[in-house]
C-alpha atoms as a PDB file:
ATOM      1  CA  MET A   1      28.042 -18.100-151.988  1.00  0.00           C
ATOM      2  CA  SER A   2      28.983 -20.375-149.416  1.00  0.00           C
ATOM      3  CA  LEU A   3      32.318 -18.869-147.751  1.00  0.00           C
ATOM      4  CA  GLN A   4      32.668 -21.218-145.318  1.00  0.00           C
ATOM      5  CA  GLN A   5      36.215 -21.981-146.346  1.00  0.00           C
ATOM      6  CA  GLY A   6      36.649 -18.279-148.085  1.00  0.00           C
ATOM      7  CA  ALA A   7      39.503 -17.210-146.492  1.00  0.00           C
ATOM      8  CA  ASN A   8      41.663 -19.422-149.276  1.00  0.00           C
ATOM      9  CA  LEU A   9      40.136 -16.983-151.532  1.00  0.00           C
ATOM     10  CA  GLY A  10      41.400 -13.763-148.828  1.00  0.00           C
ATOM     11  CA  LEU A  11      36.882 -13.007-149.085  1.00  0.00           C
ATOM     12  CA  SER A  12      36.456 -13.684-145.112  1.00  0.00           C
ATOM     13  CA  LEU A  13      37.141 -10.381-143.993  1.00  0.00           C
ATOM     14  CA  PHE A  14      34.334  -8.574-146.619  1.00  0.00           C
ATOM     15  CA  GLU A  15      31.745 -11.611-145.497  1.00  0.00           C
ATOM     16  CA  GLU A  16      32.400 -11.498-141.483  1.00  0.00           C
ATOM     17  CA  ALA A  17      32.128  -8.112-141.309  1.00  0.00           C
ATOM     18  CA  PRO A  18      28.787  -6.447-140.273  1.00  0.00           C
ATOM     19  CA  LEU A  19      26.333  -4.236-141.597  1.00  0.00           C
ATOM     20  CA  ILE A  20      27.051  -0.784-140.812  1.00  0.00           C
ATOM     21  CA  GLU A  21      23.502   0.857-140.382  1.00  0.00           C
ATOM     22  CA  ARG A  22      22.989   4.294-139.078  1.00  0.00           C
ATOM     23  CA  LYS A  23      19.952   4.462-136.625  1.00  0.00           C
ATOM     24  CA  PRO A  24      18.081   6.626-134.415  1.00  0.00           C
ATOM     25  CA  HIS A  25      19.979   7.956-131.070  1.00  0.00           C
ATOM     26  CA  ASP A  26      23.514   6.310-132.456  1.00  0.00           C
ATOM     27  CA  SER A  27      26.628   7.093-130.018  1.00  0.00           C
ATOM     28  CA  ASP A  28      28.935   9.004-131.017  1.00  0.00           C
ATOM     29  CA  GLU A  29      31.726   6.828-130.808  1.00  0.00           C
ATOM     30  CA  ARG A  30      29.280   4.730-133.324  1.00  0.00           C
ATOM     31  CA  ILE A  31      28.746   7.585-135.841  1.00  0.00           C
ATOM     32  CA  ASN A  32      32.721   8.104-135.715  1.00  0.00           C
ATOM     33  CA  GLN A  33      32.699   4.398-137.075  1.00  0.00           C
ATOM     34  CA  ILE A  34      30.150   4.931-139.448  1.00  0.00           C
ATOM     35  CA  ILE A  35      32.316   8.507-140.727  1.00  0.00           C
ATOM     36  CA  ASN A  36      35.197   6.311-140.747  1.00  0.00           C
ATOM     37  CA  ALA A  37      33.550   3.114-142.794  1.00  0.00           C
ATOM     38  CA  VAL A  38      31.911   5.568-144.960  1.00  0.00           C
ATOM     39  CA  TYR A  39      35.901   7.435-145.805  1.00  0.00           C
ATOM     40  CA  ARG A  40      37.300   3.851-146.425  1.00  0.00           C
ATOM     41  CA  GLN A  41      34.367   2.296-148.666  1.00  0.00           C
ATOM     42  CA  VAL A  42      34.174   5.831-150.804  1.00  0.00           C
ATOM     43  CA  LEU A  43      37.733   6.141-150.964  1.00  0.00           C
ATOM     44  CA  GLY A  44      39.103   2.554-151.912  1.00  0.00           C
ATOM     45  CA  ASN A  45      40.752   1.762-148.749  1.00  0.00           C
ATOM     46  CA  SER A  46      43.306   4.864-149.234  1.00  0.00           C
ATOM     47  CA  TYR A  47      44.305   6.987-146.457  1.00  0.00           C
ATOM     48  CA  ILE A  48      43.418  10.317-145.727  1.00  0.00           C
ATOM     49  CA  MET A  49      45.125  13.077-143.784  1.00  0.00           C
ATOM     50  CA  ASN A  50      42.651  15.221-141.230  1.00  0.00           C
ATOM     51  CA  SER A  51      43.178  18.507-143.611  1.00  0.00           C
ATOM     52  CA  GLU A  52      41.340  16.461-146.065  1.00  0.00           C
ATOM     53  CA  ARG A  53      38.478  15.326-144.154  1.00  0.00           C
ATOM     54  CA  LEU A  54      34.941  17.227-145.140  1.00  0.00           C
ATOM     55  CA  THR A  55      35.050  18.253-142.400  1.00  0.00           C
ATOM     56  CA  ASN A  56      31.057  20.466-142.995  1.00  0.00           C
ATOM     57  CA  ALA A  57      29.359  17.252-144.403  1.00  0.00           C
ATOM     58  CA  GLU A  58      30.973  15.427-141.527  1.00  0.00           C
ATOM     59  CA  SER A  59      29.102  17.765-139.203  1.00  0.00           C
ATOM     60  CA  ARG A  60      25.512  18.405-140.842  1.00  0.00           C
ATOM     61  CA  PHE A  61      26.075  14.119-140.975  1.00  0.00           C
ATOM     62  CA  ARG A  62      26.320  13.811-137.127  1.00  0.00           C
ATOM     63  CA  ASN A  63      24.316  16.633-136.401  1.00  0.00           C
ATOM     64  CA  GLY A  64      21.153  14.465-138.484  1.00  0.00           C
ATOM     65  CA  GLN A  65      21.056  17.011-141.589  1.00  0.00           C
ATOM     66  CA  LEU A  66      23.547  14.266-144.160  1.00  0.00           C
ATOM     67  CA  THR A  67      21.944  10.373-144.372  1.00  0.00           C
ATOM     68  CA  VAL A  68      24.375   8.332-144.986  1.00  0.00           C
ATOM     69  CA  ARG A  69      23.536   8.664-148.627  1.00  0.00           C
ATOM     70  CA  GLU A  70      24.473  12.324-148.820  1.00  0.00           C
ATOM     71  CA  PHE A  71      27.315  11.757-147.177  1.00  0.00           C
ATOM     72  CA  VAL A  72      28.719   9.410-149.597  1.00  0.00           C
ATOM     73  CA  ARG A  73      27.568  11.684-152.097  1.00  0.00           C
ATOM     74  CA  ALA A  74      29.621  14.868-150.124  1.00  0.00           C
ATOM     75  CA  ILE A  75      32.853  12.844-150.608  1.00  0.00           C
ATOM     76  CA  ALA A  76      32.004  11.431-154.769  1.00  0.00           C
ATOM     77  CA  ASN A  77      31.589  14.900-155.792  1.00  0.00           C
ATOM     78  CA  SER A  78      34.356  16.537-153.187  1.00  0.00           C
ATOM     79  CA  ASP A  79      37.561  17.143-154.373  1.00  0.00           C
ATOM     80  CA  LEU A  80      39.066  15.094-152.507  1.00  0.00           C
ATOM     81  CA  TYR A  81      37.756  12.186-154.696  1.00  0.00           C
ATOM     82  CA  ARG A  82      37.772  13.914-157.867  1.00  0.00           C
ATOM     83  CA  GLN A  83      41.789  14.518-157.397  1.00  0.00           C
ATOM     84  CA  ARG A  84      42.561  10.842-156.858  1.00  0.00           C
ATOM     85  CA  TYR A  85      39.661   8.736-159.066  1.00  0.00           C
ATOM     86  CA  PHE A  86      39.296  11.591-162.023  1.00  0.00           C
ATOM     87  CA  GLU A  87      41.634  14.003-162.392  1.00  0.00           C
ATOM     88  CA  THR A  88      44.527  11.354-162.579  1.00  0.00           C
ATOM     89  CA  CYS A  89      42.618   8.424-164.090  1.00  0.00           C
ATOM     90  CA  PRO A  90      42.084   7.418-167.759  1.00  0.00           C
ATOM     91  CA  ARG A  91      38.006   7.666-168.240  1.00  0.00           C
ATOM     92  CA  TYR A  92      37.220   3.739-167.977  1.00  0.00           C
ATOM     93  CA  ARG A  93      38.939   3.183-164.952  1.00  0.00           C
ATOM     94  CA  PHE A  94      37.425   6.090-163.241  1.00  0.00           C
ATOM     95  CA  THR A  95      33.763   4.004-164.218  1.00  0.00           C
ATOM     96  CA  GLU A  96      35.704   0.914-163.072  1.00  0.00           C
ATOM     97  CA  LEU A  97      36.480   2.598-159.785  1.00  0.00           C
ATOM     98  CA  ASN A  98      32.331   4.542-158.717  1.00  0.00           C
ATOM     99  CA  PHE A  99      30.886   0.436-159.767  1.00  0.00           C
ATOM    100  CA  LYS A 100      33.045  -0.514-157.251  1.00  0.00           C
ATOM    101  CA  HIS A 101      32.868   2.396-154.430  1.00  0.00           C
ATOM    102  CA  PHE A 102      28.942   3.467-154.730  1.00  0.00           C
ATOM    103  CA  LEU A 103      27.387   0.273-155.809  1.00  0.00           C
ATOM    104  CA  GLY A 104      29.937  -2.332-154.332  1.00  0.00           C
ATOM    105  CA  ARG A 105      30.228  -4.494-157.670  1.00  0.00           C
ATOM    106  CA  THR A 106      31.833  -4.108-161.307  1.00  0.00           C
ATOM    107  CA  PRO A 107      29.687  -3.070-164.345  1.00  0.00           C
ATOM    108  CA  GLU A 108      28.463  -6.175-165.929  1.00  0.00           C
ATOM    109  CA  ASN A 109      28.897  -5.095-169.465  1.00  0.00           C
ATOM    110  CA  GLN A 110      29.620  -2.803-172.405  1.00  0.00           C
ATOM    111  CA  ALA A 111      26.443  -0.511-172.014  1.00  0.00           C
ATOM    112  CA  GLU A 112      26.679  -0.064-168.638  1.00  0.00           C
ATOM    113  CA  MET A 113      30.120   1.481-169.055  1.00  0.00           C
ATOM    114  CA  ARG A 114      28.944   3.342-172.396  1.00  0.00           C
ATOM    115  CA  TYR A 115      25.854   4.636-170.378  1.00  0.00           C
ATOM    116  CA  HIS A 116      27.841   6.974-167.445  1.00  0.00           C
ATOM    117  CA  SER A 117      30.684   8.060-170.377  1.00  0.00           C
ATOM    118  CA  ASP A 118      27.697   9.426-172.306  1.00  0.00           C
ATOM    119  CA  ILE A 119      26.499  11.073-168.896  1.00  0.00           C
ATOM    120  CA  LEU A 120      30.303  12.146-168.554  1.00  0.00           C
ATOM    121  CA  ASP A 121      30.206  13.628-171.638  1.00  0.00           C
ATOM    122  CA  THR A 122      26.901  15.298-172.223  1.00  0.00           C
ATOM    123  CA  LEU A 123      25.901  16.019-168.228  1.00  0.00           C
ATOM    124  CA  GLY A 124      29.113  16.372-166.297  1.00  0.00           C
ATOM    125  CA  TYR A 125      30.894  14.975-163.441  1.00  0.00           C
ATOM    126  CA  GLU A 126      28.490  15.291-160.978  1.00  0.00           C
ATOM    127  CA  ALA A 127      25.799  14.160-162.811  1.00  0.00           C
ATOM    128  CA  ASP A 128      27.359  10.984-163.418  1.00  0.00           C
ATOM    129  CA  ILE A 129      28.123  10.304-159.720  1.00  0.00           C
ATOM    130  CA  ASN A 130      24.466  10.868-159.082  1.00  0.00           C
ATOM    131  CA  ALA A 131      23.671   8.705-161.485  1.00  0.00           C
ATOM    132  CA  TYR A 132      25.219   5.585-159.537  1.00  0.00           C
ATOM    133  CA  ILE A 133      23.955   7.165-155.557  1.00  0.00           C
ATOM    134  CA  ASP A 134      20.231   7.727-156.953  1.00  0.00           C
ATOM    135  CA  SER A 135      20.014   4.660-159.242  1.00  0.00           C
ATOM    136  CA  ASP A 136      17.137   1.974-158.292  1.00  0.00           C
ATOM    137  CA  GLU A 137      19.632  -0.780-157.159  1.00  0.00           C
ATOM    138  CA  TYR A 138      21.821   1.514-155.041  1.00  0.00           C
ATOM    139  CA  THR A 139      18.284   2.617-153.067  1.00  0.00           C
ATOM    140  CA  GLU A 140      17.282  -1.551-153.137  1.00  0.00           C
ATOM    141  CA  ALA A 141      21.035  -2.537-151.997  1.00  0.00           C
ATOM    142  CA  TYR A 142      21.578   0.308-149.023  1.00  0.00           C
ATOM    143  CA  GLY A 143      18.875   2.931-148.590  1.00  0.00           C
ATOM    144  CA  ASP A 144      19.265   6.083-147.384  1.00  0.00           C
ATOM    145  CA  ASN A 145      21.119   4.994-144.260  1.00  0.00           C
ATOM    146  CA  ILE A 146      23.532   1.405-145.062  1.00  0.00           C
ATOM    147  CA  VAL A 147      27.306   2.054-145.862  1.00  0.00           C
ATOM    148  CA  PRO A 148      27.957   0.987-149.327  1.00  0.00           C
ATOM    149  CA  TYR A 149      29.723  -2.617-148.927  1.00  0.00           C
ATOM    150  CA  TYR A 150      31.146  -5.477-151.163  1.00  0.00           C
ATOM    151  CA  ARG A 151      28.601  -6.868-153.128  1.00  0.00           C
ATOM    152  CA  GLY A 152      30.317  -8.478-156.605  1.00  0.00           C
ATOM    153  CA  TYR A 153      32.100 -11.412-155.179  1.00  0.00           C
ATOM    154  CA  LYS A 154      28.810 -13.434-154.641  1.00  0.00           C
ATOM    155  CA  THR A 155      26.795 -15.071-157.387  1.00  0.00           C
ATOM    156  CA  ALA A 156      23.285 -13.616-157.774  1.00  0.00           C
ATOM    157  CA  ASN A 157      20.261 -14.234-160.256  1.00  0.00           C
ATOM    158  CA  ASN A 158      20.461 -12.852-163.495  1.00  0.00           C
ATOM    159  CA  ARG A 159      24.598 -12.779-162.902  1.00  0.00           C
ATOM    160  CA  THR A 160      27.296 -14.776-164.457  1.00  0.00           C
ATOM    161  CA  MET A 161      30.557 -16.229-163.645  1.00  0.00           C
ATOM    162  CA  VAL A 162      32.181 -13.312-165.944  1.00  0.00           C
ATOM    163  CA  GLU A 163      31.273 -10.213-163.277  1.00  0.00           C
ATOM    164  CA  PHE A 164      32.075 -13.329-160.432  1.00  0.00           C
ATOM    165  CA  THR A 165      35.479 -12.914-161.634  1.00  0.00           C
ATOM    166  CA  HIS A 166      36.006  -9.387-162.613  1.00  0.00           C
ATOM    167  CA  MET A 167      35.292  -8.308-158.614  1.00  0.00           C
ATOM    168  CA  PHE A 168      38.221 -10.664-157.864  1.00  0.00           C
ATOM    169  CA  ALA A 169      40.470  -8.497-160.427  1.00  0.00           C
ATOM    170  CA  MET A 170      39.140  -5.523-158.577  1.00  0.00           C
ATOM    171  CA  LEU A 171      39.421  -6.653-154.967  1.00  0.00           C
ATOM    172  CA  ARG A 172      42.668  -7.543-153.683  1.00  0.00           C
ATOM    173  CA  GLY A 173      41.869  -7.687-150.306  1.00  0.00           C
ATOM    174  CA  GLY A 174      41.423  -6.296-147.120  1.00  0.00           C
ATOM    175  CA  ALA A 175      44.537  -4.205-146.972  1.00  0.00           C
ATOM    176  CA  SER A 176      44.684  -3.209-150.479  1.00  0.00           C
ATOM    177  CA  SER A 177      44.246   0.676-151.451  1.00  0.00           C
ATOM    178  CA  ASP A 178      42.394   1.649-155.042  1.00  0.00           C
ATOM    179  CA  VAL A 179      45.335   4.676-154.799  1.00  0.00           C
ATOM    180  CA  GLY A 180      48.782   4.316-156.850  1.00  0.00           C
ATOM    181  CA  LYS A 181      50.600   4.733-160.184  1.00  0.00           C
ATOM    182  CA  ALA A 182      50.077   1.360-160.839  1.00  0.00           C
ATOM    183  CA  LEU A 183      46.561   0.940-160.223  1.00  0.00           C
ATOM    184  CA  GLN A 184      45.866   4.038-162.557  1.00  0.00           C
ATOM    185  CA  SER A 185      45.102   2.100-165.611  1.00  0.00           C
ATOM    186  CA  PRO A 186      41.758   0.230-166.532  1.00  0.00           C
ATOM    187  CA  VAL A 187      41.591  -3.323-164.704  1.00  0.00           C
ATOM    188  CA  ILE A 188      38.757  -5.545-166.154  1.00  0.00           C
ATOM    189  CA  HIS A 189      37.730  -2.243-169.349  1.00  0.00           C
ATOM    190  CA  LYS A 190      39.049  -5.072-171.653  1.00  0.00           C
ATOM    191  CA  SER A 191      37.226  -7.978-170.431  1.00  0.00           C
ATOM    192  CA  VAL A 192      34.158  -6.269-169.682  1.00  0.00           C
ATOM    193  CA  LEU A 193      33.939  -5.418-172.804  1.00  0.00           C
ATOM    194  CA  THR A 194      34.763  -8.897-174.052  1.00  0.00           C
ATOM    195  CA  GLN A 195      32.849 -10.505-171.550  1.00  0.00           C
ATOM    196  CA  THR A 196      35.503 -12.154-171.007  1.00  0.00           C
ATOM    197  CA  PRO A 197      36.177 -14.008-167.481  1.00  0.00           C
ATOM    198  CA  LEU A 198      39.645 -13.654-165.846  1.00  0.00           C
ATOM    199  CA  SER A 199      41.564 -16.268-163.735  1.00  0.00           C
ATOM    200  CA  VAL A 200      40.932 -16.313-160.146  1.00  0.00           C
ATOM    201  CA  ILE A 201      44.007 -16.767-157.906  1.00  0.00           C
ATOM    202  CA  PRO A 202      44.013 -16.673-154.140  1.00  0.00           C
ATOM    203  CA  PRO A 203      46.180 -13.594-152.552  1.00  0.00           C
ATOM    204  CA  SER A 204      49.068 -16.505-151.901  1.00  0.00           C
ATOM    205  CA  GLY A 205      49.636 -16.576-155.207  1.00  0.00           C
ATOM    206  CA  GLY A 206      51.217 -13.194-156.147  1.00  0.00           C
ATOM    207  CA  SER A 207      54.655 -12.130-155.220  1.00  0.00           C
ATOM    208  CA  ALA A 208      55.230 -10.806-151.753  1.00  0.00           C
ATOM    209  CA  GLY A 209      53.901  -7.538-150.819  1.00  0.00           C
ATOM    210  CA  GLU A 210      50.760  -7.660-153.565  1.00  0.00           C
ATOM    211  CA  GLY A 211      48.236  -8.909-152.106  1.00  0.00           C
ATOM    212  CA  TRP A 212      45.761  -9.973-154.704  1.00  0.00           C
ATOM    213  CA  ALA A 213      47.061 -11.548-157.955  1.00  0.00           C
ATOM    214  CA  PHE A 214      45.377 -11.816-160.717  1.00  0.00           C
ATOM    215  CA  GLN A 215      45.750 -12.957-164.716  1.00  0.00           C
ATOM    216  CA  GLU A 216      44.723 -11.517-167.678  1.00  0.00           C
ATOM    217  CA  THR A 217      43.170 -14.167-169.802  1.00  0.00           C
ATOM    218  CA  PRO A 218      45.482 -14.767-173.091  1.00  0.00           C
ATOM    219  CA  LEU A 219      42.457 -14.396-176.026  1.00  0.00           C
ATOM    220  CA  THR A 220      45.279 -15.523-177.828  1.00  0.00           C
ATOM    221  CA  SER A 221      46.471 -18.992-176.400  1.00  0.00           C
ATOM    222  CA  ALA A 222      45.793 -21.971-178.787  1.00  0.00           C
ATOM    223  CA  THR A 223      45.578 -25.349-176.484  1.00  0.00           C
ATOM    224  CA  ARG A 224      44.442 -28.871-177.119  1.00  0.00           C
ATOM    225  CA  GLN A 225      42.623 -29.281-174.275  1.00  0.00           C
ATOM    226  CA  GLY A 226      39.435 -28.680-176.024  1.00  0.00           C
ATOM    227  CA  VAL A 227      37.441 -31.638-175.383  1.00  0.00           C
ATOM    228  CA  GLY A 228      34.114 -30.982-174.269  1.00  0.00           C
ATOM    229  CA  ALA A 229      34.593 -27.052-175.106  1.00  0.00           C
ATOM    230  CA  ASP A 230      31.569 -25.417-175.776  1.00  0.00           C
ATOM    231  CA  GLU A 231      30.709 -23.908-179.376  1.00  0.00           C
ATOM    232  CA  ASP A 232      33.331 -20.885-178.907  1.00  0.00           C
ATOM    233  CA  GLY A 233      36.162 -23.777-178.366  1.00  0.00           C
ATOM    234  CA  ARG A 234      35.978 -22.179-174.807  1.00  0.00           C
ATOM    235  CA  ILE A 235      37.529 -24.438-172.225  1.00  0.00           C
ATOM    236  CA  TYR A 236      37.928 -23.515-168.053  1.00  0.00           C
ATOM    237  CA  ARG A 237      40.885 -25.480-165.472  1.00  0.00           C
ATOM    238  CA  VAL A 238      38.900 -25.472-161.887  1.00  0.00           C
ATOM    239  CA  GLU A 239      41.073 -25.920-159.097  1.00  0.00           C
ATOM    240  CA  VAL A 240      39.102 -27.054-155.793  1.00  0.00           C
ATOM    241  CA  THR A 241      40.026 -27.654-152.249  1.00  0.00           C
ATOM    242  CA  GLY A 242      38.987 -28.602-149.027  1.00  0.00           C
ATOM    243  CA  TYR A 243      36.072 -31.411-149.886  1.00  0.00           C
ATOM    244  CA  ARG A 244      34.387 -31.311-146.440  1.00  0.00           C
ATOM    245  CA  ALA A 245      37.152 -30.228-144.621  1.00  0.00           C
ATOM    246  CA  LYS A 246      37.284 -28.905-141.243  1.00  0.00           C
ATOM    247  CA  VAL A 247      38.041 -25.650-140.699  1.00  0.00           C
ATOM    248  CA  TYR A 248      40.808 -24.342-138.031  1.00  0.00           C
ATOM    249  CA  ASN A 249      41.412 -20.614-137.612  1.00  0.00           C
ATOM    250  CA  SER A 250      39.420 -19.391-140.400  1.00  0.00           C
ATOM    251  CA  PHE A 251      41.641 -21.696-143.168  1.00  0.00           C
ATOM    252  CA  PRO A 252      40.608 -24.611-144.377  1.00  0.00           C
ATOM    253  CA  LYS A 253      42.788 -28.184-143.862  1.00  0.00           C
ATOM    254  CA  TYR A 254      43.821 -28.246-147.355  1.00  0.00           C
ATOM    255  CA  ARG A 255      46.061 -25.201-148.311  1.00  0.00           C
ATOM    256  CA  ARG A 256      46.505 -26.627-152.209  1.00  0.00           C
ATOM    257  CA  PRO A 257      44.113 -27.740-154.945  1.00  0.00           C
ATOM    258  CA  ASN A 258      43.069 -31.241-154.295  1.00  0.00           C
ATOM    259  CA  LYS A 259      40.848 -31.782-157.291  1.00  0.00           C
ATOM    260  CA  VAL A 260      41.027 -30.461-160.581  1.00  0.00           C
ATOM    261  CA  TYR A 261      37.609 -30.118-163.156  1.00  0.00           C
ATOM    262  CA  MET A 262      37.787 -29.238-167.044  1.00  0.00           C
ATOM    263  CA  VAL A 263      34.536 -28.036-168.035  1.00  0.00           C
ATOM    264  CA  PRO A 264      33.213 -25.189-171.019  1.00  0.00           C
ATOM    265  CA  PHE A 265      32.117 -21.943-170.041  1.00  0.00           C
ATOM    266  CA  ASN A 266      28.759 -23.170-169.787  1.00  0.00           C
ATOM    267  CA  GLN A 267      28.895 -24.849-167.077  1.00  0.00           C
ATOM    268  CA  LEU A 268      30.594 -23.261-165.031  1.00  0.00           C
ATOM    269  CA  PHE A 269      27.674 -22.201-163.166  1.00  0.00           C
ATOM    270  CA  GLU A 270      26.554 -26.106-162.875  1.00  0.00           C
ATOM    271  CA  LEU A 271      29.727 -27.101-161.295  1.00  0.00           C
ATOM    272  CA  TYR A 272      30.087 -24.223-158.804  1.00  0.00           C
ATOM    273  CA  VAL A 273      26.613 -24.923-157.250  1.00  0.00           C
ATOM    274  CA  THR A 274      27.596 -28.861-156.873  1.00  0.00           C
ATOM    275  CA  LEU A 275      30.993 -28.388-155.750  1.00  0.00           C
ATOM    276  CA  HIS A 276      29.270 -26.077-153.032  1.00  0.00           C
ATOM    277  CA  LYS A 277      26.633 -28.622-152.206  1.00  0.00           C
ATOM    278  CA  GLN A 278      29.970 -30.696-151.608  1.00  0.00           C
ATOM    279  CA  GLY A 279      31.203 -27.753-149.168  1.00  0.00           C
ATOM    280  CA  ALA A 280      34.255 -27.507-151.461  1.00  0.00           C
ATOM    281  CA  SER A 281      36.003 -24.263-152.274  1.00  0.00           C
ATOM    282  CA  VAL A 282      37.247 -22.763-155.444  1.00  0.00           C
ATOM    283  CA  ALA A 283      41.045 -22.112-155.173  1.00  0.00           C
ATOM    284  CA  SER A 284      41.035 -20.747-158.946  1.00  0.00           C
ATOM    285  CA  VAL A 285      39.659 -20.961-162.493  1.00  0.00           C
ATOM    286  CA  THR A 286      41.241 -20.461-165.554  1.00  0.00           C
ATOM    287  CA  PRO A 287      40.875 -20.005-168.844  1.00  0.00           C
ATOM    288  CA  VAL A 288      43.175 -22.353-170.917  1.00  0.00           C
ATOM    289  CA  ASN A 289      42.636 -21.770-174.278  1.00  0.00           C
END
């Protein structure tokens, strides 16, 4: 995904962030940066007090006894993570967040969520955490010494636009946190089960102070705008901005959508490729039926 004008969707912070990797002979300052980056990713950008830090694991990491992967595992298996995301959240919210924190994406389908639910039932908490961190996907994406980062907002082979929209619902901007009473319910579980895209709305579309705003798809709504829809009758309104626009201070020249497309779901990806070639940015993707 080209994010030249990604500030319009609030993603430039993630796209422009450098890869954080531990290397031999890192300075103490660099190691501190890596430790803080791991806490930030694994704990969903939530605040952590000094008394909550895993001082023993940090010391072992500084001494080279733990890799980044093993430091991630130590935090994930700690009482700190367990209390914030397992004991206070429903199971499917816990699973959503595990995918986000450890693999940098959202679950693709019901089978992935059921797989981790079965591990929790049969083998327990620690085995479920290890299933993410020891997975081939984690190894391929991060290896032993790269701090996990968000990848799910980028399009990729064998992934549909459904997961792309789900990531926007889970990733509400660089200043957001995954902790809070309003965030203890599943966000995308129902949409994952039904493979339903969610409306993508930039941060400016939300109420003041709320950061990312997203709308759940009205599955029962009716519309007369069904001409050209696919065999399931689904059609989407795609708002586009920034055609060949120069970028000033990371913001597109056109702050409001300046073109609208009505397309069936099975043509969304083709439209996205075309828009990318034209240098445009997608401002929102909204189901209309």
